[in-house]
Amino acid sequence: EKWSDFVTFMHSVKSTSLNIGGVKLSNMAAEMEKRGKAYLNGSNEDLGYIKDNYQEVMKLYEATLQEAKAIRDAMLQ
């Protein structure tokens, strides 16, 4: 549970997914980033939100990654 690394990762996911059109993932990552920062500043209620929603964000992350790879592969053929 390296929370500063988590915040950095969510910031990257937010930016990168938006660049490729993953608006929903970007919005979810933005919320996780915001909640992570709040937790680092002492808000324990935000930790609950993170734990409750982490799996959903990661499922969408994985789906977005797989779709991006499929598009890339199709373009290379």
N, C-alpha and C. Protein backbone atom coordinates (compact mmCIF):
# COMPACT_ATOMS: atom_id res chain seq x y z
N GLU A 1 0.84 -1.19 0.00
CA GLU A 1 0.00 0.00 0.00
C GLU A 1 0.88 1.25 0.00
N LYS A 2 1.50 1.49 -1.13
CA LYS A 2 2.33 2.68 -1.33
C LYS A 2 1.44 3.73 -1.97
N TRP A 3 0.82 4.55 -1.15
CA TRP A 3 -0.23 5.45 -1.61
C TRP A 3 0.27 6.55 -2.52
N SER A 4 1.48 7.03 -2.31
CA SER A 4 1.98 8.07 -3.22
C SER A 4 2.21 7.47 -4.62
N ASP A 5 2.66 6.21 -4.68
CA ASP A 5 2.81 5.53 -5.97
C ASP A 5 1.44 5.31 -6.62
N PHE A 6 0.45 4.98 -5.81
CA PHE A 6 -0.91 4.79 -6.31
C PHE A 6 -1.43 6.07 -6.96
N VAL A 7 -1.22 7.20 -6.30
CA VAL A 7 -1.68 8.49 -6.83
C VAL A 7 -0.98 8.78 -8.15
N THR A 8 0.32 8.51 -8.22
CA THR A 8 1.07 8.74 -9.45
C THR A 8 0.55 7.85 -10.58
N PHE A 9 0.28 6.58 -10.27
CA PHE A 9 -0.25 5.64 -11.26
C PHE A 9 -1.60 6.11 -11.77
N MET A 10 -2.49 6.51 -10.87
CA MET A 10 -3.82 6.95 -11.28
C MET A 10 -3.73 8.23 -12.12
N HIS A 11 -2.79 9.09 -11.80
CA HIS A 11 -2.59 10.30 -12.61
C HIS A 11 -2.18 9.90 -14.03
N SER A 12 -1.29 8.94 -14.14
CA SER A 12 -0.85 8.47 -15.46
C SER A 12 -1.98 7.82 -16.24
N VAL A 13 -2.76 6.99 -15.55
CA VAL A 13 -3.91 6.33 -16.19
C VAL A 13 -4.90 7.38 -16.67
N LYS A 14 -5.15 8.37 -15.84
CA LYS A 14 -6.08 9.45 -16.18
C LYS A 14 -5.65 10.13 -17.48
N SER A 15 -4.40 10.52 -17.55
CA SER A 15 -3.90 11.27 -18.71
C SER A 15 -3.82 10.41 -19.96
N THR A 16 -3.24 9.24 -19.82
CA THR A 16 -3.03 8.38 -20.98
C THR A 16 -4.34 7.89 -21.56
N SER A 17 -5.26 7.47 -20.70
CA SER A 17 -6.53 6.97 -21.21
C SER A 17 -7.31 8.06 -21.93
N LEU A 18 -7.24 9.28 -21.42
CA LEU A 18 -7.93 10.38 -22.10
C LEU A 18 -7.32 10.63 -23.48
N ASN A 19 -6.00 10.49 -23.58
CA ASN A 19 -5.33 10.70 -24.87
C ASN A 19 -5.77 9.71 -25.93
N ILE A 20 -6.22 8.52 -25.52
CA ILE A 20 -6.63 7.52 -26.51
C ILE A 20 -8.15 7.38 -26.59
N GLY A 21 -8.87 8.27 -25.93
CA GLY A 21 -10.32 8.27 -26.02
C GLY A 21 -11.05 7.52 -24.93
N GLY A 22 -10.32 7.09 -23.91
CA GLY A 22 -10.93 6.35 -22.80
C GLY A 22 -11.46 7.30 -21.73
N VAL A 23 -12.52 8.00 -22.06
CA VAL A 23 -13.05 9.05 -21.18
C VAL A 23 -13.54 8.49 -19.85
N LYS A 24 -14.27 7.37 -19.90
CA LYS A 24 -14.79 6.79 -18.65
C LYS A 24 -13.64 6.38 -17.74
N LEU A 25 -12.64 5.71 -18.28
CA LEU A 25 -11.49 5.30 -17.47
C LEU A 25 -10.76 6.53 -16.94
N SER A 26 -10.60 7.53 -17.75
CA SER A 26 -9.93 8.76 -17.31
C SER A 26 -10.68 9.40 -16.15
N ASN A 27 -12.00 9.46 -16.24
CA ASN A 27 -12.80 10.04 -15.16
C ASN A 27 -12.69 9.23 -13.87
N MET A 28 -12.71 7.91 -14.02
CA MET A 28 -12.60 7.05 -12.84
C MET A 28 -11.22 7.20 -12.20
N ALA A 29 -10.19 7.24 -13.02
CA ALA A 29 -8.83 7.41 -12.50
C ALA A 29 -8.66 8.77 -11.85
N ALA A 30 -9.28 9.79 -12.40
CA ALA A 30 -9.21 11.13 -11.81
C ALA A 30 -9.81 11.12 -10.40
N GLU A 31 -10.93 10.44 -10.26
CA GLU A 31 -11.57 10.35 -8.94
C GLU A 31 -10.68 9.58 -7.96
N MET A 32 -10.08 8.50 -8.43
CA MET A 32 -9.18 7.73 -7.57
C MET A 32 -7.95 8.55 -7.18
N GLU A 33 -7.43 9.31 -8.14
CA GLU A 33 -6.29 10.17 -7.84
C GLU A 33 -6.66 11.19 -6.78
N LYS A 34 -7.82 11.82 -6.95
CA LYS A 34 -8.29 12.82 -5.99
C LYS A 34 -8.46 12.20 -4.60
N ARG A 35 -9.06 11.03 -4.56
CA ARG A 35 -9.28 10.35 -3.28
C ARG A 35 -7.96 9.91 -2.65
N GLY A 36 -7.02 9.48 -3.49
CA GLY A 36 -5.70 9.10 -2.98
C GLY A 36 -4.97 10.27 -2.36
N LYS A 37 -5.05 11.41 -3.01
CA LYS A 37 -4.43 12.62 -2.46
C LYS A 37 -5.10 13.00 -1.14
N ALA A 38 -6.41 12.90 -1.10
CA ALA A 38 -7.13 13.23 0.14
C ALA A 38 -6.73 12.28 1.26
N TYR A 39 -6.59 10.99 0.93
CA TYR A 39 -6.17 10.03 1.95
C TYR A 39 -4.76 10.36 2.46
N LEU A 40 -3.87 10.71 1.56
CA LEU A 40 -2.52 11.10 1.97
C LEU A 40 -2.53 12.32 2.89
N ASN A 41 -3.57 13.13 2.74
CA ASN A 41 -3.72 14.32 3.60
C ASN A 41 -4.54 14.04 4.85
N GLY A 42 -4.86 12.76 5.11
CA GLY A 42 -5.49 12.40 6.36
C GLY A 42 -6.96 12.03 6.32
N SER A 43 -7.57 11.93 5.16
CA SER A 43 -8.99 11.62 5.06
C SER A 43 -9.20 10.11 4.95
N ASN A 44 -9.52 9.46 6.05
CA ASN A 44 -9.69 8.01 6.05
C ASN A 44 -10.92 7.56 5.27
N GLU A 45 -11.93 8.40 5.15
CA GLU A 45 -13.12 7.99 4.39
C GLU A 45 -12.78 7.76 2.92
N ASP A 46 -11.77 8.46 2.42
CA ASP A 46 -11.38 8.29 1.02
C ASP A 46 -10.71 6.94 0.79
N LEU A 47 -10.09 6.38 1.80
CA LEU A 47 -9.49 5.06 1.68
C LEU A 47 -10.59 4.02 1.41
N GLY A 48 -11.70 4.14 2.07
CA GLY A 48 -12.82 3.23 1.84
C GLY A 48 -13.31 3.30 0.41
N TYR A 49 -13.41 4.50 -0.13
CA TYR A 49 -13.84 4.67 -1.52
C TYR A 49 -12.85 3.98 -2.46
N ILE A 50 -11.57 4.18 -2.22
CA ILE A 50 -10.54 3.58 -3.06
C ILE A 50 -10.66 2.06 -3.04
N LYS A 51 -10.75 1.51 -1.85
CA LYS A 51 -10.83 0.05 -1.73
C LYS A 51 -12.11 -0.50 -2.35
N ASP A 52 -13.20 0.23 -2.23
CA ASP A 52 -14.47 -0.22 -2.79
C ASP A 52 -14.50 -0.16 -4.32
N ASN A 53 -13.72 0.72 -4.93
CA ASN A 53 -13.81 0.95 -6.37
C ASN A 53 -12.58 0.52 -7.16
N TYR A 54 -11.54 0.11 -6.48
CA TYR A 54 -10.28 -0.24 -7.15
C TYR A 54 -10.46 -1.33 -8.20
N GLN A 55 -11.14 -2.41 -7.86
CA GLN A 55 -11.30 -3.52 -8.80
C GLN A 55 -12.04 -3.09 -10.07
N GLU A 56 -13.05 -2.25 -9.92
CA GLU A 56 -13.79 -1.78 -11.09
C GLU A 56 -12.89 -0.95 -12.01
N VAL A 57 -12.08 -0.09 -11.42
CA VAL A 57 -11.15 0.71 -12.23
C VAL A 57 -10.16 -0.19 -12.95
N MET A 58 -9.64 -1.18 -12.25
CA MET A 58 -8.65 -2.05 -12.86
C MET A 58 -9.26 -2.94 -13.96
N LYS A 59 -10.50 -3.34 -13.80
CA LYS A 59 -11.17 -4.11 -14.86
C LYS A 59 -11.32 -3.26 -16.11
N LEU A 60 -11.71 -2.00 -15.95
CA LEU A 60 -11.84 -1.11 -17.10
C LEU A 60 -10.47 -0.81 -17.70
N TYR A 61 -9.47 -0.67 -16.85
CA TYR A 61 -8.10 -0.46 -17.32
C TYR A 61 -7.67 -1.62 -18.22
N GLU A 62 -7.88 -2.84 -17.75
CA GLU A 62 -7.49 -4.03 -18.50
C GLU A 62 -8.27 -4.12 -19.82
N ALA A 63 -9.56 -3.84 -19.79
CA ALA A 63 -10.37 -3.88 -21.01
C ALA A 63 -9.89 -2.83 -22.01
N THR A 64 -9.57 -1.64 -21.53
CA THR A 64 -9.07 -0.57 -22.39
C THR A 64 -7.73 -0.95 -22.99
N LEU A 65 -6.87 -1.55 -22.19
CA LEU A 65 -5.56 -1.99 -22.67
C LEU A 65 -5.71 -3.04 -23.77
N GLN A 66 -6.59 -4.01 -23.55
CA GLN A 66 -6.81 -5.06 -24.55
C GLN A 66 -7.38 -4.48 -25.85
N GLU A 67 -8.30 -3.54 -25.73
CA GLU A 67 -8.87 -2.91 -26.93
C GLU A 67 -7.81 -2.11 -27.68
N ALA A 68 -6.99 -1.40 -26.95
CA ALA A 68 -5.92 -0.61 -27.59
C ALA A 68 -4.94 -1.53 -28.31
N LYS A 69 -4.60 -2.65 -27.70
CA LYS A 69 -3.70 -3.61 -28.34
C LYS A 69 -4.32 -4.19 -29.60
N ALA A 70 -5.61 -4.49 -29.55
CA ALA A 70 -6.29 -5.04 -30.72
C ALA A 70 -6.30 -4.03 -31.87
N ILE A 71 -6.53 -2.78 -31.55
CA ILE A 71 -6.53 -1.73 -32.57
C ILE A 71 -5.14 -1.57 -33.16
N ARG A 72 -4.14 -1.57 -32.29
CA ARG A 72 -2.75 -1.46 -32.76
C ARG A 72 -2.41 -2.62 -33.69
N ASP A 73 -2.76 -3.84 -33.26
CA ASP A 73 -2.46 -5.02 -34.07
C ASP A 73 -3.15 -4.97 -35.42
N ALA A 74 -4.39 -4.51 -35.45
CA ALA A 74 -5.13 -4.39 -36.71
C ALA A 74 -4.47 -3.37 -37.63
N MET A 75 -3.95 -2.32 -37.06
CA MET A 75 -3.29 -1.28 -37.87
C MET A 75 -1.97 -1.78 -38.45
N LEU A 76 -1.33 -2.71 -37.77
CA LEU A 76 -0.03 -3.21 -38.22
C LEU A 76 -0.15 -4.29 -39.29
N GLN A 77 -1.36 -4.76 -39.52
CA GLN A 77 -1.54 -5.83 -40.52
C GLN A 77 -1.72 -5.27 -41.89
